[in-house]
Amino acid sequence: ARQAFEHVQSHNDSLAALAGFRLPRGDRG
């Protein structure tokens, strides 16, 4: 969750960037 939040921050706080986050573990669908 922390990595995903930092990913959004690095993309100008855009939630659209979540689709491109490479989920290391968890249900990707």
PDB file of all heavy atoms in Angstrom:
ATOM      1  N   ALA A   1       0.834  -1.199   0.000  1.00  0.00           N
ATOM      2  CA  ALA A   1       0.000   0.000   0.000  1.00  0.00           C
ATOM      3  C   ALA A   1       0.871   1.253   0.000  1.00  0.00           C
ATOM      4  O   ALA A   1       0.579   2.230  -0.708  1.00  0.00           O
ATOM      5  CB  ALA A   1      -0.929  -0.004   1.213  1.00  0.00           C
ATOM      6  N   ARG A   2       1.950   1.238   0.782  1.00  0.00           N
ATOM      7  CA  ARG A   2       2.847   2.393   0.815  1.00  0.00           C
ATOM      8  C   ARG A   2       3.507   2.600  -0.551  1.00  0.00           C
ATOM      9  O   ARG A   2       3.619   3.732  -1.045  1.00  0.00           O
ATOM     10  CB  ARG A   2       3.909   2.203   1.895  1.00  0.00           C
ATOM     11  CG  ARG A   2       4.844   3.402   2.027  1.00  0.00           C
ATOM     12  CD  ARG A   2       5.799   3.278   3.195  1.00  0.00           C
ATOM     13  NE  ARG A   2       6.711   2.147   3.039  1.00  0.00           N
ATOM     14  CZ  ARG A   2       6.615   1.016   3.718  1.00  0.00           C
ATOM     15  NH1 ARG A   2       5.657   0.856   4.619  1.00  0.00           N
ATOM     16  NH2 ARG A   2       7.481   0.030   3.525  1.00  0.00           N
ATOM     17  N   GLN A   3       3.949   1.510  -1.199  1.00  0.00           N
ATOM     18  CA  GLN A   3       4.565   1.626  -2.525  1.00  0.00           C
ATOM     19  C   GLN A   3       3.577   2.198  -3.540  1.00  0.00           C
ATOM     20  O   GLN A   3       3.937   3.037  -4.382  1.00  0.00           O
ATOM     21  CB  GLN A   3       5.057   0.262  -2.984  1.00  0.00           C
ATOM     22  CG  GLN A   3       6.202  -0.317  -2.163  1.00  0.00           C
ATOM     23  CD  GLN A   3       6.522  -1.752  -2.556  1.00  0.00           C
ATOM     24  OE1 GLN A   3       6.268  -2.173  -3.683  1.00  0.00           O
ATOM     25  NE2 GLN A   3       7.068  -2.521  -1.619  1.00  0.00           N
ATOM     26  N   ALA A   4       2.324   1.748  -3.467  1.00  0.00           N
ATOM     27  CA  ALA A   4       1.308   2.245  -4.403  1.00  0.00           C
ATOM     28  C   ALA A   4       1.039   3.731  -4.180  1.00  0.00           C
ATOM     29  O   ALA A   4       0.879   4.501  -5.147  1.00  0.00           O
ATOM     30  CB  ALA A   4       0.021   1.437  -4.242  1.00  0.00           C
ATOM     31  N   PHE A   5       1.008   4.137  -2.914  1.00  0.00           N
ATOM     32  CA  PHE A   5       0.782   5.555  -2.617  1.00  0.00           C
ATOM     33  C   PHE A   5       1.941   6.402  -3.140  1.00  0.00           C
ATOM     34  O   PHE A   5       1.733   7.468  -3.734  1.00  0.00           O
ATOM     35  CB  PHE A   5       0.612   5.747  -1.112  1.00  0.00           C
ATOM     36  CG  PHE A   5       0.341   7.170  -0.700  1.00  0.00           C
ATOM     37  CD1 PHE A   5      -0.824   7.818  -1.085  1.00  0.00           C
ATOM     38  CD2 PHE A   5       1.272   7.874   0.069  1.00  0.00           C
ATOM     39  CE1 PHE A   5      -1.075   9.126  -0.707  1.00  0.00           C
ATOM     40  CE2 PHE A   5       1.035   9.189   0.443  1.00  0.00           C
ATOM     41  CZ  PHE A   5      -0.148   9.813   0.056  1.00  0.00           C
ATOM     42  N   GLU A   6       3.155   5.939  -2.949  1.00  0.00           N
ATOM     43  CA  GLU A   6       4.322   6.668  -3.450  1.00  0.00           C
ATOM     44  C   GLU A   6       4.309   6.716  -4.980  1.00  0.00           C
ATOM     45  O   GLU A   6       4.744   7.711  -5.590  1.00  0.00           O
ATOM     46  CB  GLU A   6       5.600   6.011  -2.938  1.00  0.00           C
ATOM     47  CG  GLU A   6       5.787   6.176  -1.428  1.00  0.00           C
ATOM     48  CD  GLU A   6       6.928   5.334  -0.867  1.00  0.00           C
ATOM     49  OE1 GLU A   6       7.460   4.483  -1.632  1.00  0.00           O
ATOM     50  OE2 GLU A   6       7.277   5.508   0.316  1.00  0.00           O
ATOM     51  N   HIS A   7       3.803   5.665  -5.619  1.00  0.00           N
ATOM     52  CA  HIS A   7       3.679   5.632  -7.080  1.00  0.00           C
ATOM     53  C   HIS A   7       2.718   6.735  -7.550  1.00  0.00           C
ATOM     54  O   HIS A   7       3.010   7.441  -8.527  1.00  0.00           O
ATOM     55  CB  HIS A   7       3.179   4.255  -7.516  1.00  0.00           C
ATOM     56  CG  HIS A   7       2.989   4.108  -8.995  1.00  0.00           C
ATOM     57  ND1 HIS A   7       4.029   3.882  -9.873  1.00  0.00           N
ATOM     58  CD2 HIS A   7       1.855   4.160  -9.754  1.00  0.00           C
ATOM     59  CE1 HIS A   7       3.559   3.804 -11.103  1.00  0.00           C
ATOM     60  NE2 HIS A   7       2.246   3.958 -11.063  1.00  0.00           N
ATOM     61  N   VAL A   8       1.598   6.873  -6.851  1.00  0.00           N
ATOM     62  CA  VAL A   8       0.640   7.927  -7.207  1.00  0.00           C
ATOM     63  C   VAL A   8       1.278   9.299  -7.008  1.00  0.00           C
ATOM     64  O   VAL A   8       1.140  10.198  -7.856  1.00  0.00           O
ATOM     65  CB  VAL A   8      -0.644   7.795  -6.351  1.00  0.00           C
ATOM     66  CG1 VAL A   8      -1.557   9.002  -6.552  1.00  0.00           C
ATOM     67  CG2 VAL A   8      -1.386   6.517  -6.711  1.00  0.00           C
ATOM     68  N   GLN A   9       2.006   9.472  -5.893  1.00  0.00           N
ATOM     69  CA  GLN A   9       2.661  10.758  -5.638  1.00  0.00           C
ATOM     70  C   GLN A   9       3.650  11.100  -6.749  1.00  0.00           C
ATOM     71  O   GLN A   9       3.754  12.261  -7.166  1.00  0.00           O
ATOM     72  CB  GLN A   9       3.394  10.714  -4.294  1.00  0.00           C
ATOM     73  CG  GLN A   9       2.481  10.758  -3.069  1.00  0.00           C
ATOM     74  CD  GLN A   9       3.282  10.767  -1.781  1.00  0.00           C
ATOM     75  OE1 GLN A   9       4.112   9.891  -1.538  1.00  0.00           O
ATOM     76  NE2 GLN A   9       3.039  11.772  -0.946  1.00  0.00           N
ATOM     77  N   SER A  10       4.373  10.105  -7.212  1.00  0.00           N
ATOM     78  CA  SER A  10       5.384  10.350  -8.256  1.00  0.00           C
ATOM     79  C   SER A  10       4.768  10.652  -9.608  1.00  0.00           C
ATOM     80  O   SER A  10       5.470  11.098 -10.524  1.00  0.00           O
ATOM     81  CB  SER A  10       6.316   9.140  -8.368  1.00  0.00           C
ATOM     82  OG  SER A  10       5.630   8.011  -8.899  1.00  0.00           O
ATOM     83  N   HIS A  11       3.474  10.409  -9.744  1.00  0.00           N
ATOM     84  CA  HIS A  11       2.755  10.705 -10.989  1.00  0.00           C
ATOM     85  C   HIS A  11       1.786  11.866 -10.793  1.00  0.00           C
ATOM     86  O   HIS A  11       0.626  11.833 -11.233  1.00  0.00           O
ATOM     87  CB  HIS A  11       2.011   9.461 -11.496  1.00  0.00           C
ATOM     88  CG  HIS A  11       2.908   8.414 -12.083  1.00  0.00           C
ATOM     89  ND1 HIS A  11       3.687   7.575 -11.295  1.00  0.00           N
ATOM     90  CD2 HIS A  11       3.179   8.083 -13.393  1.00  0.00           C
ATOM     91  CE1 HIS A  11       4.381   6.761 -12.082  1.00  0.00           C
ATOM     92  NE2 HIS A  11       4.092   7.047 -13.354  1.00  0.00           N
ATOM     93  N   ASN A  12       2.268  12.873 -10.095  1.00  0.00           N
ATOM     94  CA  ASN A  12       1.511  14.115  -9.916  1.00  0.00           C
ATOM     95  C   ASN A  12       0.166  13.875  -9.246  1.00  0.00           C
ATOM     96  O   ASN A  12      -0.839  14.505  -9.583  1.00  0.00           O
ATOM     97  CB  ASN A  12       1.311  14.820 -11.265  1.00  0.00           C
ATOM     98  CG  ASN A  12       0.967  16.290 -11.100  1.00  0.00           C
ATOM     99  OD1 ASN A  12       1.363  16.923 -10.111  1.00  0.00           O
ATOM    100  ND2 ASN A  12       0.216  16.829 -12.050  1.00  0.00           N
ATOM    101  N   ASP A  13       0.147  12.933  -8.277  1.00  0.00           N
ATOM    102  CA  ASP A  13      -1.053  12.633  -7.492  1.00  0.00           C
ATOM    103  C   ASP A  13      -2.237  12.227  -8.365  1.00  0.00           C
ATOM    104  O   ASP A  13      -3.390  12.523  -8.046  1.00  0.00           O
ATOM    105  CB  ASP A  13      -1.446  13.833  -6.611  1.00  0.00           C
ATOM    106  CG  ASP A  13      -0.380  14.166  -5.589  1.00  0.00           C
ATOM    107  OD1 ASP A  13       0.187  13.234  -5.008  1.00  0.00           O
ATOM    108  OD2 ASP A  13      -0.109  15.366  -5.381  1.00  0.00           O
ATOM    109  N   SER A  14      -1.964  11.544  -9.462  1.00  0.00           N
ATOM    110  CA  SER A  14      -3.035  11.107 -10.361  1.00  0.00           C
ATOM    111  C   SER A  14      -3.413   9.660 -10.063  1.00  0.00           C
ATOM    112  O   SER A  14      -2.578   8.749 -10.151  1.00  0.00           O
ATOM    113  CB  SER A  14      -2.590  11.229 -11.820  1.00  0.00           C
ATOM    114  OG  SER A  14      -3.547  10.646 -12.677  1.00  0.00           O
ATOM    115  N   LEU A  15      -4.677   9.434  -9.738  1.00  0.00           N
ATOM    116  CA  LEU A  15      -5.139   8.077  -9.465  1.00  0.00           C
ATOM    117  C   LEU A  15      -5.159   7.217 -10.725  1.00  0.00           C
ATOM    118  O   LEU A  15      -5.171   5.985 -10.634  1.00  0.00           O
ATOM    119  CB  LEU A  15      -6.535   8.117  -8.836  1.00  0.00           C
ATOM    120  CG  LEU A  15      -6.616   8.704  -7.421  1.00  0.00           C
ATOM    121  CD1 LEU A  15      -8.060   8.717  -6.929  1.00  0.00           C
ATOM    122  CD2 LEU A  15      -5.746   7.906  -6.452  1.00  0.00           C
ATOM    123  N   ALA A  16      -5.138   7.857 -11.891  1.00  0.00           N
ATOM    124  CA  ALA A  16      -5.083   7.090 -13.138  1.00  0.00           C
ATOM    125  C   ALA A  16      -3.804   6.263 -13.219  1.00  0.00           C
ATOM    126  O   ALA A  16      -3.750   5.243 -13.917  1.00  0.00           O
ATOM    127  CB  ALA A  16      -5.179   8.039 -14.336  1.00  0.00           C
ATOM    128  N   ALA A  17      -2.780   6.696 -12.468  1.00  0.00           N
ATOM    129  CA  ALA A  17      -1.503   5.981 -12.498  1.00  0.00           C
ATOM    130  C   ALA A  17      -1.576   4.625 -11.812  1.00  0.00           C
ATOM    131  O   ALA A  17      -0.685   3.783 -11.985  1.00  0.00           O
ATOM    132  CB  ALA A  17      -0.418   6.837 -11.834  1.00  0.00           C
ATOM    133  N   LEU A  18      -2.610   4.385 -11.025  1.00  0.00           N
ATOM    134  CA  LEU A  18      -2.727   3.114 -10.315  1.00  0.00           C
ATOM    135  C   LEU A  18      -2.791   1.922 -11.267  1.00  0.00           C
ATOM    136  O   LEU A  18      -2.313   0.833 -10.951  1.00  0.00           O
ATOM    137  CB  LEU A  18      -3.967   3.114  -9.413  1.00  0.00           C
ATOM    138  CG  LEU A  18      -3.877   3.930  -8.126  1.00  0.00           C
ATOM    139  CD1 LEU A  18      -5.231   3.949  -7.420  1.00  0.00           C
ATOM    140  CD2 LEU A  18      -2.811   3.337  -7.205  1.00  0.00           C
ATOM    141  N   ALA A  19      -3.387   2.139 -12.448  1.00  0.00           N
ATOM    142  CA  ALA A  19      -3.514   1.035 -13.410  1.00  0.00           C
ATOM    143  C   ALA A  19      -2.141   0.558 -13.876  1.00  0.00           C
ATOM    144  O   ALA A  19      -1.981  -0.614 -14.254  1.00  0.00           O
ATOM    145  CB  ALA A  19      -4.359   1.474 -14.603  1.00  0.00           C
ATOM    146  N   GLY A  20      -1.148   1.441 -13.843  1.00  0.00           N
ATOM    147  CA  GLY A  20       0.188   1.074 -14.292  1.00  0.00           C
ATOM    148  C   GLY A  20       1.113   0.625 -13.179  1.00  0.00           C
ATOM    149  O   GLY A  20       2.289   0.315 -13.435  1.00  0.00           O
ATOM    150  N   PHE A  21       0.605   0.582 -11.945  1.00  0.00           N
ATOM    151  CA  PHE A  21       1.435   0.133 -10.829  1.00  0.00           C
ATOM    152  C   PHE A  21       1.622  -1.383 -10.892  1.00  0.00           C
ATOM    153  O   PHE A  21       0.653  -2.132 -11.026  1.00  0.00           O
ATOM    154  CB  PHE A  21       0.784   0.526  -9.501  1.00  0.00           C
ATOM    155  CG  PHE A  21       1.510   0.021  -8.288  1.00  0.00           C
ATOM    156  CD1 PHE A  21       2.771   0.493  -7.970  1.00  0.00           C
ATOM    157  CD2 PHE A  21       0.931  -0.948  -7.471  1.00  0.00           C
ATOM    158  CE1 PHE A  21       3.451   0.019  -6.852  1.00  0.00           C
ATOM    159  CE2 PHE A  21       1.594  -1.426  -6.352  1.00  0.00           C
ATOM    160  CZ  PHE A  21       2.865  -0.942  -6.044  1.00  0.00           C
ATOM    161  N   ARG A  22       2.872  -1.829 -10.811  1.00  0.00           N
ATOM    162  CA  ARG A  22       3.172  -3.259 -10.892  1.00  0.00           C
ATOM    163  C   ARG A  22       2.999  -3.866  -9.507  1.00  0.00           C
ATOM    164  O   ARG A  22       3.852  -3.720  -8.632  1.00  0.00           O
ATOM    165  CB  ARG A  22       4.584  -3.478 -11.418  1.00  0.00           C
ATOM    166  CG  ARG A  22       4.770  -2.951 -12.839  1.00  0.00           C
ATOM    167  CD  ARG A  22       6.140  -3.287 -13.373  1.00  0.00           C
ATOM    168  NE  ARG A  22       6.326  -4.740 -13.471  1.00  0.00           N
ATOM    169  CZ  ARG A  22       7.451  -5.305 -13.917  1.00  0.00           C
ATOM    170  NH1 ARG A  22       8.475  -4.559 -14.287  1.00  0.00           N
ATOM    171  NH2 ARG A  22       7.546  -6.630 -13.965  1.00  0.00           N
ATOM    172  N   LEU A  23       1.893  -4.521  -9.324  1.00  0.00           N
ATOM    173  CA  LEU A  23       1.551  -5.086  -8.020  1.00  0.00           C
ATOM    174  C   LEU A  23       2.480  -6.269  -7.717  1.00  0.00           C
ATOM    175  O   LEU A  23       2.454  -7.281  -8.422  1.00  0.00           O
ATOM    176  CB  LEU A  23       0.088  -5.554  -8.041  1.00  0.00           C
ATOM    177  CG  LEU A  23      -0.581  -5.828  -6.688  1.00  0.00           C
ATOM    178  CD1 LEU A  23      -0.771  -4.534  -5.917  1.00  0.00           C
ATOM    179  CD2 LEU A  23      -1.944  -6.491  -6.923  1.00  0.00           C
ATOM    180  N   PRO A  24       3.329  -6.145  -6.667  1.00  0.00           N
ATOM    181  CA  PRO A  24       4.254  -7.247  -6.366  1.00  0.00           C
ATOM    182  C   PRO A  24       3.554  -8.487  -5.841  1.00  0.00           C
ATOM    183  O   PRO A  24       4.035  -9.596  -6.010  1.00  0.00           O
ATOM    184  CB  PRO A  24       5.186  -6.636  -5.317  1.00  0.00           C
ATOM    185  CG  PRO A  24       4.393  -5.538  -4.681  1.00  0.00           C
ATOM    186  CD  PRO A  24       3.512  -5.000  -5.763  1.00  0.00           C
ATOM    187  N   ARG A  25       2.448  -8.290  -5.174  1.00  0.00           N
ATOM    188  CA  ARG A  25       1.666  -9.434  -4.668  1.00  0.00           C
ATOM    189  C   ARG A  25       0.219  -8.973  -4.525  1.00  0.00           C
ATOM    190  O   ARG A  25      -0.059  -7.789  -4.445  1.00  0.00           O
ATOM    191  CB  ARG A  25       2.219  -9.935  -3.338  1.00  0.00           C
ATOM    192  CG  ARG A  25       2.193  -8.908  -2.227  1.00  0.00           C
ATOM    193  CD  ARG A  25       2.831  -9.464  -0.953  1.00  0.00           C
ATOM    194  NE  ARG A  25       4.215  -9.822  -1.148  1.00  0.00           N
ATOM    195  CZ  ARG A  25       5.224  -8.938  -1.041  1.00  0.00           C
ATOM    196  NH1 ARG A  25       4.965  -7.669  -0.761  1.00  0.00           N
ATOM    197  NH2 ARG A  25       6.459  -9.318  -1.221  1.00  0.00           N
ATOM    198  N   GLY A  26      -0.704  -9.950  -4.482  1.00  0.00           N
ATOM    199  CA  GLY A  26      -2.104  -9.612  -4.352  1.00  0.00           C
ATOM    200  C   GLY A  26      -2.887  -9.952  -5.605  1.00  0.00           C
ATOM    201  O   GLY A  26      -2.332 -10.361  -6.636  1.00  0.00           O
ATOM    202  N   ASP A  27      -4.197  -9.773  -5.520  1.00  0.00           N
ATOM    203  CA  ASP A  27      -5.100 -10.109  -6.623  1.00  0.00           C
ATOM    204  C   ASP A  27      -5.074  -8.997  -7.668  1.00  0.00           C
ATOM    205  O   ASP A  27      -5.653  -7.928  -7.471  1.00  0.00           O
ATOM    206  CB  ASP A  27      -6.516 -10.293  -6.061  1.00  0.00           C
ATOM    207  CG  ASP A  27      -7.465 -10.897  -7.073  1.00  0.00           C
ATOM    208  OD1 ASP A  27      -7.382 -10.510  -8.252  1.00  0.00           O
ATOM    209  OD2 ASP A  27      -8.299 -11.734  -6.682  1.00  0.00           O
ATOM    210  N   ARG A  28      -4.404  -9.238  -8.792  1.00  0.00           N
ATOM    211  CA  ARG A  28      -4.228  -8.192  -9.807  1.00  0.00           C
ATOM    212  C   ARG A  28      -5.535  -7.836 -10.504  1.00  0.00           C
ATOM    213  O   ARG A  28      -5.736  -6.696 -10.916  1.00  0.00           O
ATOM    214  CB  ARG A  28      -3.177  -8.632 -10.820  1.00  0.00           C
ATOM    215  CG  ARG A  28      -1.807  -8.803 -10.172  1.00  0.00           C
ATOM    216  CD  ARG A  28      -0.720  -9.141 -11.176  1.00  0.00           C
ATOM    217  NE  ARG A  28       0.557  -9.296 -10.492  1.00  0.00           N
ATOM    218  CZ  ARG A  28       1.713  -9.568 -11.103  1.00  0.00           C
ATOM    219  NH1 ARG A  28       1.722  -9.724 -12.426  1.00  0.00           N
ATOM    220  NH2 ARG A  28       2.819  -9.694 -10.401  1.00  0.00           N
ATOM    221  N   GLY A  29      -6.423  -8.820 -10.649  1.00  0.00           N
ATOM    222  CA  GLY A  29      -7.711  -8.520 -11.276  1.00  0.00           C
ATOM    223  C   GLY A  29      -8.529  -7.552 -10.440  1.00  0.00           C
ATOM    224  O   GLY A  29      -9.113  -6.593 -10.964  1.00  0.00           O
TER     225      GLY A  29
END
